[in-house]
Amino acid sequence: MTRKTTAPMSPARPSDGFVLGAERFDKIAAVEGLKPPASLIRTFAEMDRRDLSAEERIAHLKAVYGAFRDDR
């Protein structure tokens, strides 16, 4: 039986977490019984249609839903 090896994480840049893709997030949400509101689904579809960059998506979401306040 062969063992899979993984590349070590780069020590030059510490990880602040990871980003889930939309498909993976949808699968996790389904298992948890969560369903996004129709307005959010339309917003994401609009961003996909407009082919917005990550920065543009963040700006668009802040404009539509307001900025997130991080209380940590």
PDB file of N, CA and C in Angstrom:
ATOM      1  N   MET A   1       0.845  -1.171   0.000  1.00  0.00           N
ATOM      2  CA  MET A   1       0.000   0.000   0.000  1.00  0.00           C
ATOM      3  C   MET A   1       0.894   1.238   0.000  1.00  0.00           C
ATOM      4  N   THR A   2       0.678   2.128  -0.939  1.00  0.00           N
ATOM      5  CA  THR A   2       1.505   3.329  -1.012  1.00  0.00           C
ATOM      6  C   THR A   2       0.869   4.442  -0.194  1.00  0.00           C
ATOM      7  N   ARG A   3       1.723   5.252   0.347  1.00  0.00           N
ATOM      8  CA  ARG A   3       1.258   6.348   1.184  1.00  0.00           C
ATOM      9  C   ARG A   3       1.318   7.646   0.380  1.00  0.00           C
ATOM     10  N   LYS A   4       0.239   8.425   0.450  1.00  0.00           N
ATOM     11  CA  LYS A   4       0.216   9.705  -0.239  1.00  0.00           C
ATOM     12  C   LYS A   4       1.006  10.717   0.571  1.00  0.00           C
ATOM     13  N   THR A   5       1.778  11.500  -0.118  1.00  0.00           N
ATOM     14  CA  THR A   5       2.508  12.559   0.562  1.00  0.00           C
ATOM     15  C   THR A   5       1.894  13.894   0.185  1.00  0.00           C
ATOM     16  N   THR A   6       1.967  14.817   1.081  1.00  0.00           N
ATOM     17  CA  THR A   6       1.450  16.149   0.805  1.00  0.00           C
ATOM     18  C   THR A   6       2.581  17.147   0.917  1.00  0.00           C
ATOM     19  N   ALA A   7       2.464  18.202   0.165  1.00  0.00           N
ATOM     20  CA  ALA A   7       3.484  19.247   0.208  1.00  0.00           C
ATOM     21  C   ALA A   7       3.364  19.993   1.533  1.00  0.00           C
ATOM     22  N   PRO A   8       4.471  20.319   2.160  1.00  0.00           N
ATOM     23  CA  PRO A   8       4.403  21.060   3.418  1.00  0.00           C
ATOM     24  C   PRO A   8       3.905  22.473   3.174  1.00  0.00           C
ATOM     25  N   MET A   9       3.245  23.030   4.186  1.00  0.00           N
ATOM     26  CA  MET A   9       2.778  24.407   4.070  1.00  0.00           C
ATOM     27  C   MET A   9       3.974  25.343   4.101  1.00  0.00           C
ATOM     28  N   SER A  10       3.862  26.408   3.378  1.00  0.00           N
ATOM     29  CA  SER A  10       4.940  27.385   3.322  1.00  0.00           C
ATOM     30  C   SER A  10       5.038  28.136   4.653  1.00  0.00           C
ATOM     31  N   PRO A  11       6.194  28.123   5.295  1.00  0.00           N
ATOM     32  CA  PRO A  11       6.333  28.834   6.562  1.00  0.00           C
ATOM     33  C   PRO A  11       6.424  30.347   6.375  1.00  0.00           C
ATOM     34  N   ALA A  12       6.635  30.795   5.142  1.00  0.00           N
ATOM     35  CA  ALA A  12       6.786  32.224   4.880  1.00  0.00           C
ATOM     36  C   ALA A  12       5.478  32.981   5.063  1.00  0.00           C
ATOM     37  N   ARG A  13       4.349  32.291   4.873  1.00  0.00           N
ATOM     38  CA  ARG A  13       3.061  32.969   4.974  1.00  0.00           C
ATOM     39  C   ARG A  13       2.147  32.163   5.893  1.00  0.00           C
ATOM     40  N   PRO A  14       1.920  32.649   7.116  1.00  0.00           N
ATOM     41  CA  PRO A  14       1.046  31.902   8.019  1.00  0.00           C
ATOM     42  C   PRO A  14      -0.391  31.902   7.499  1.00  0.00           C
ATOM     43  N   SER A  15      -1.094  30.845   7.770  1.00  0.00           N
ATOM     44  CA  SER A  15      -2.462  30.707   7.308  1.00  0.00           C
ATOM     45  C   SER A  15      -3.422  31.385   8.272  1.00  0.00           C
ATOM     46  N   ASP A  16      -4.319  32.192   7.721  1.00  0.00           N
ATOM     47  CA  ASP A  16      -5.376  32.810   8.508  1.00  0.00           C
ATOM     48  C   ASP A  16      -6.661  32.014   8.367  1.00  0.00           C
ATOM     49  N   GLY A  17      -6.608  30.858   7.749  1.00  0.00           N
ATOM     50  CA  GLY A  17      -7.784  30.047   7.497  1.00  0.00           C
ATOM     51  C   GLY A  17      -7.759  29.593   6.055  1.00  0.00           C
ATOM     52  N   PHE A  18      -8.941  29.299   5.517  1.00  0.00           N
ATOM     53  CA  PHE A  18      -9.027  28.886   4.131  1.00  0.00           C
ATOM     54  C   PHE A  18     -10.340  29.364   3.558  1.00  0.00           C
ATOM     55  N   VAL A  19     -10.453  29.335   2.254  1.00  0.00           N
ATOM     56  CA  VAL A  19     -11.640  29.817   1.565  1.00  0.00           C
ATOM     57  C   VAL A  19     -12.388  28.626   0.982  1.00  0.00           C
ATOM     58  N   LEU A  20     -13.672  28.567   1.256  1.00  0.00           N
ATOM     59  CA  LEU A  20     -14.514  27.537   0.670  1.00  0.00           C
ATOM     60  C   LEU A  20     -15.066  28.032  -0.651  1.00  0.00           C
ATOM     61  N   GLY A  21     -15.083  27.161  -1.629  1.00  0.00           N
ATOM     62  CA  GLY A  21     -15.723  27.502  -2.892  1.00  0.00           C
ATOM     63  C   GLY A  21     -17.231  27.412  -2.736  1.00  0.00           C
ATOM     64  N   ALA A  22     -17.943  27.977  -3.676  1.00  0.00           N
ATOM     65  CA  ALA A  22     -19.403  28.020  -3.612  1.00  0.00           C
ATOM     66  C   ALA A  22     -20.018  26.619  -3.586  1.00  0.00           C
ATOM     67  N   GLU A  23     -19.475  25.712  -4.401  1.00  0.00           N
ATOM     68  CA  GLU A  23     -20.040  24.362  -4.452  1.00  0.00           C
ATOM     69  C   GLU A  23     -19.852  23.640  -3.116  1.00  0.00           C
ATOM     70  N   ARG A  24     -18.664  23.741  -2.530  1.00  0.00           N
ATOM     71  CA  ARG A  24     -18.397  23.093  -1.248  1.00  0.00           C
ATOM     72  C   ARG A  24     -19.265  23.712  -0.155  1.00  0.00           C
ATOM     73  N   PHE A  25     -19.403  25.040  -0.183  1.00  0.00           N
ATOM     74  CA  PHE A  25     -20.237  25.723   0.807  1.00  0.00           C
ATOM     75  C   PHE A  25     -21.680  25.260   0.692  1.00  0.00           C
ATOM     76  N   ASP A  26     -22.188  25.107  -0.538  1.00  0.00           N
ATOM     77  CA  ASP A  26     -23.557  24.639  -0.746  1.00  0.00           C
ATOM     78  C   ASP A  26     -23.759  23.249  -0.156  1.00  0.00           C
ATOM     79  N   LYS A  27     -22.770  22.366  -0.322  1.00  0.00           N
ATOM     80  CA  LYS A  27     -22.883  21.008   0.217  1.00  0.00           C
ATOM     81  C   LYS A  27     -22.911  21.016   1.745  1.00  0.00           C
ATOM     82  N   ILE A  28     -22.045  21.825   2.342  1.00  0.00           N
ATOM     83  CA  ILE A  28     -22.008  21.912   3.804  1.00  0.00           C
ATOM     84  C   ILE A  28     -23.311  22.510   4.321  1.00  0.00           C
ATOM     85  N   ALA A  29     -23.791  23.565   3.675  1.00  0.00           N
ATOM     86  CA  ALA A  29     -25.035  24.207   4.092  1.00  0.00           C
ATOM     87  C   ALA A  29     -26.207  23.236   4.000  1.00  0.00           C
ATOM     88  N   ALA A  30     -26.240  22.406   2.963  1.00  0.00           N
ATOM     89  CA  ALA A  30     -27.318  21.433   2.797  1.00  0.00           C
ATOM     90  C   ALA A  30     -27.309  20.422   3.940  1.00  0.00           C
ATOM     91  N   VAL A  31     -26.130  19.955   4.328  1.00  0.00           N
ATOM     92  CA  VAL A  31     -26.025  19.002   5.432  1.00  0.00           C
ATOM     93  C   VAL A  31     -26.496  19.645   6.733  1.00  0.00           C
ATOM     94  N   GLU A  32     -26.179  20.922   6.909  1.00  0.00           N
ATOM     95  CA  GLU A  32     -26.561  21.647   8.116  1.00  0.00           C
ATOM     96  C   GLU A  32     -28.017  22.102   8.093  1.00  0.00           C
ATOM     97  N   GLY A  33     -28.684  21.937   6.949  1.00  0.00           N
ATOM     98  CA  GLY A  33     -30.077  22.354   6.837  1.00  0.00           C
ATOM     99  C   GLY A  33     -30.238  23.854   6.621  1.00  0.00           C
ATOM    100  N   LEU A  34     -29.202  24.507   6.112  1.00  0.00           N
ATOM    101  CA  LEU A  34     -29.247  25.948   5.873  1.00  0.00           C
ATOM    102  C   LEU A  34     -29.593  26.225   4.424  1.00  0.00           C
ATOM    103  N   LYS A  35     -30.428  27.226   4.198  1.00  0.00           N
ATOM    104  CA  LYS A  35     -30.774  27.605   2.835  1.00  0.00           C
ATOM    105  C   LYS A  35     -30.684  29.122   2.739  1.00  0.00           C
ATOM    106  N   PRO A  36     -29.867  29.617   1.801  1.00  0.00           N
ATOM    107  CA  PRO A  36     -29.744  31.077   1.670  1.00  0.00           C
ATOM    108  C   PRO A  36     -31.035  31.676   1.134  1.00  0.00           C
ATOM    109  N   PRO A  37     -31.322  32.919   1.512  1.00  0.00           N
ATOM    110  CA  PRO A  37     -32.526  33.570   0.982  1.00  0.00           C
ATOM    111  C   PRO A  37     -32.423  33.767  -0.530  1.00  0.00           C
ATOM    112  N   ALA A  38     -33.570  33.842  -1.174  1.00  0.00           N
ATOM    113  CA  ALA A  38     -33.612  34.002  -2.633  1.00  0.00           C
ATOM    114  C   ALA A  38     -32.873  35.260  -3.072  1.00  0.00           C
ATOM    115  N   SER A  39     -32.933  36.322  -2.269  1.00  0.00           N
ATOM    116  CA  SER A  39     -32.253  37.567  -2.634  1.00  0.00           C
ATOM    117  C   SER A  39     -30.741  37.367  -2.700  1.00  0.00           C
ATOM    118  N   LEU A  40     -30.186  36.555  -1.812  1.00  0.00           N
ATOM    119  CA  LEU A  40     -28.752  36.291  -1.816  1.00  0.00           C
ATOM    120  C   LEU A  40     -28.365  35.450  -3.032  1.00  0.00           C
ATOM    121  N   ILE A  41     -29.193  34.491  -3.370  1.00  0.00           N
ATOM    122  CA  ILE A  41     -28.943  33.664  -4.557  1.00  0.00           C
ATOM    123  C   ILE A  41     -28.940  34.541  -5.803  1.00  0.00           C
ATOM    124  N   ARG A  42     -29.905  35.482  -5.894  1.00  0.00           N
ATOM    125  CA  ARG A  42     -29.945  36.407  -7.037  1.00  0.00           C
ATOM    126  C   ARG A  42     -28.708  37.304  -7.061  1.00  0.00           C
ATOM    127  N   THR A  43     -28.270  37.758  -5.885  1.00  0.00           N
ATOM    128  CA  THR A  43     -27.086  38.614  -5.810  1.00  0.00           C
ATOM    129  C   THR A  43     -25.857  37.880  -6.322  1.00  0.00           C
ATOM    130  N   PHE A  44     -25.667  36.626  -5.897  1.00  0.00           N
ATOM    131  CA  PHE A  44     -24.519  35.846  -6.368  1.00  0.00           C
ATOM    132  C   PHE A  44     -24.620  35.566  -7.868  1.00  0.00           C
ATOM    133  N   ALA A  45     -25.822  35.303  -8.359  1.00  0.00           N
ATOM    134  CA  ALA A  45     -26.003  35.072  -9.791  1.00  0.00           C
ATOM    135  C   ALA A  45     -25.650  36.336 -10.579  1.00  0.00           C
ATOM    136  N   GLU A  46     -26.036  37.491 -10.051  1.00  0.00           N
ATOM    137  CA  GLU A  46     -25.702  38.752 -10.714  1.00  0.00           C
ATOM    138  C   GLU A  46     -24.192  38.974 -10.734  1.00  0.00           C
ATOM    139  N   MET A  47     -23.525  38.693  -9.613  1.00  0.00           N
ATOM    140  CA  MET A  47     -22.070  38.855  -9.567  1.00  0.00           C
ATOM    141  C   MET A  47     -21.386  37.900 -10.534  1.00  0.00           C
ATOM    142  N   ASP A  48     -21.893  36.672 -10.645  1.00  0.00           N
ATOM    143  CA  ASP A  48     -21.341  35.711 -11.605  1.00  0.00           C
ATOM    144  C   ASP A  48     -21.536  36.210 -13.035  1.00  0.00           C
ATOM    145  N   ARG A  49     -22.742  36.722 -13.314  1.00  0.00           N
ATOM    146  CA  ARG A  49     -23.057  37.215 -14.658  1.00  0.00           C
ATOM    147  C   ARG A  49     -22.142  38.378 -15.035  1.00  0.00           C
ATOM    148  N   ARG A  50     -21.864  39.252 -14.054  1.00  0.00           N
ATOM    149  CA  ARG A  50     -21.010  40.419 -14.308  1.00  0.00           C
ATOM    150  C   ARG A  50     -19.524  40.068 -14.247  1.00  0.00           C
ATOM    151  N   ASP A  51     -19.209  38.823 -13.869  1.00  0.00           N
ATOM    152  CA  ASP A  51     -17.827  38.334 -13.803  1.00  0.00           C
ATOM    153  C   ASP A  51     -16.942  39.250 -12.943  1.00  0.00           C
ATOM    154  N   LEU A  52     -17.436  39.531 -11.720  1.00  0.00           N
ATOM    155  CA  LEU A  52     -16.721  40.427 -10.819  1.00  0.00           C
ATOM    156  C   LEU A  52     -15.513  39.739 -10.195  1.00  0.00           C
ATOM    157  N   SER A  53     -14.469  40.513  -9.956  1.00  0.00           N
ATOM    158  CA  SER A  53     -13.288  39.998  -9.255  1.00  0.00           C
ATOM    159  C   SER A  53     -13.640  39.852  -7.773  1.00  0.00           C
ATOM    160  N   ALA A  54     -12.748  39.247  -7.002  1.00  0.00           N
ATOM    161  CA  ALA A  54     -12.988  39.060  -5.572  1.00  0.00           C
ATOM    162  C   ALA A  54     -13.191  40.406  -4.876  1.00  0.00           C
ATOM    163  N   GLU A  55     -12.358  41.388  -5.205  1.00  0.00           N
ATOM    164  CA  GLU A  55     -12.479  42.709  -4.592  1.00  0.00           C
ATOM    165  C   GLU A  55     -13.793  43.379  -4.979  1.00  0.00           C
ATOM    166  N   GLU A  56     -14.189  43.223  -6.236  1.00  0.00           N
ATOM    167  CA  GLU A  56     -15.449  43.804  -6.699  1.00  0.00           C
ATOM    168  C   GLU A  56     -16.639  43.115  -6.041  1.00  0.00           C
ATOM    169  N   ARG A  57     -16.544  41.807  -5.828  1.00  0.00           N
ATOM    170  CA  ARG A  57     -17.618  41.080  -5.144  1.00  0.00           C
ATOM    171  C   ARG A  57     -17.781  41.579  -3.706  1.00  0.00           C
ATOM    172  N   ILE A  58     -16.660  41.754  -3.024  1.00  0.00           N
ATOM    173  CA  ILE A  58     -16.709  42.238  -1.648  1.00  0.00           C
ATOM    174  C   ILE A  58     -17.361  43.615  -1.602  1.00  0.00           C
ATOM    175  N   ALA A  59     -16.940  44.513  -2.499  1.00  0.00           N
ATOM    176  CA  ALA A  59     -17.511  45.856  -2.548  1.00  0.00           C
ATOM    177  C   ALA A  59     -19.011  45.800  -2.847  1.00  0.00           C
ATOM    178  N   HIS A  60     -19.395  44.922  -3.784  1.00  0.00           N
ATOM    179  CA  HIS A  60     -20.811  44.791  -4.146  1.00  0.00           C
ATOM    180  C   HIS A  60     -21.630  44.273  -2.964  1.00  0.00           C
ATOM    181  N   LEU A  61     -21.133  43.257  -2.275  1.00  0.00           N
ATOM    182  CA  LEU A  61     -21.852  42.721  -1.117  1.00  0.00           C
ATOM    183  C   LEU A  61     -21.978  43.756  -0.005  1.00  0.00           C
ATOM    184  N   LYS A  62     -20.920  44.543   0.220  1.00  0.00           N
ATOM    185  CA  LYS A  62     -20.984  45.602   1.233  1.00  0.00           C
ATOM    186  C   LYS A  62     -22.006  46.663   0.842  1.00  0.00           C
ATOM    187  N   ALA A  63     -22.068  46.985  -0.447  1.00  0.00           N
ATOM    188  CA  ALA A  63     -23.026  47.983  -0.911  1.00  0.00           C
ATOM    189  C   ALA A  63     -24.463  47.495  -0.765  1.00  0.00           C
ATOM    190  N   VAL A  64     -24.682  46.215  -1.037  1.00  0.00           N
ATOM    191  CA  VAL A  64     -26.041  45.665  -0.988  1.00  0.00           C
ATOM    192  C   VAL A  64     -26.466  45.345   0.443  1.00  0.00           C
ATOM    193  N   TYR A  65     -25.589  44.701   1.218  1.00  0.00           N
ATOM    194  CA  TYR A  65     -25.969  44.205   2.544  1.00  0.00           C
ATOM    195  C   TYR A  65     -25.330  44.963   3.696  1.00  0.00           C
ATOM    196  N   GLY A  66     -24.411  45.870   3.421  1.00  0.00           N
ATOM    197  CA  GLY A  66     -23.723  46.600   4.473  1.00  0.00           C
ATOM    198  C   GLY A  66     -22.437  45.895   4.861  1.00  0.00           C
ATOM    199  N   ALA A  67     -21.554  46.629   5.485  1.00  0.00           N
ATOM    200  CA  ALA A  67     -20.264  46.074   5.900  1.00  0.00           C
ATOM    201  C   ALA A  67     -20.451  45.184   7.119  1.00  0.00           C
ATOM    202  N   PHE A  68     -19.681  44.112   7.194  1.00  0.00           N
ATOM    203  CA  PHE A  68     -19.695  43.200   8.337  1.00  0.00           C
ATOM    204  C   PHE A  68     -18.851  43.789   9.445  1.00  0.00           C
ATOM    205  N   ARG A  69     -19.370  43.790  10.642  1.00  0.00           N
ATOM    206  CA  ARG A  69     -18.621  44.298  11.788  1.00  0.00           C
ATOM    207  C   ARG A  69     -18.013  43.121  12.514  1.00  0.00           C
ATOM    208  N   ASP A  70     -16.723  43.053  12.521  1.00  0.00           N
ATOM    209  CA  ASP A  70     -15.995  41.943  13.154  1.00  0.00           C
ATOM    210  C   ASP A  70     -15.775  42.283  14.621  1.00  0.00           C
ATOM    211  N   ASP A  71     -16.463  41.567  15.502  1.00  0.00           N
ATOM    212  CA  ASP A  71     -16.403  41.846  16.934  1.00  0.00           C
ATOM    213  C   ASP A  71     -15.397  40.977  17.669  1.00  0.00           C
ATOM    214  N   ARG A  72     -14.543  40.256  16.958  1.00  0.00           N
ATOM    215  CA  ARG A  72     -13.615  39.358  17.642  1.00  0.00           C
ATOM    216  C   ARG A  72     -12.581  40.086  18.394  1.00  0.00           C
TER     217      ARG A  72
END
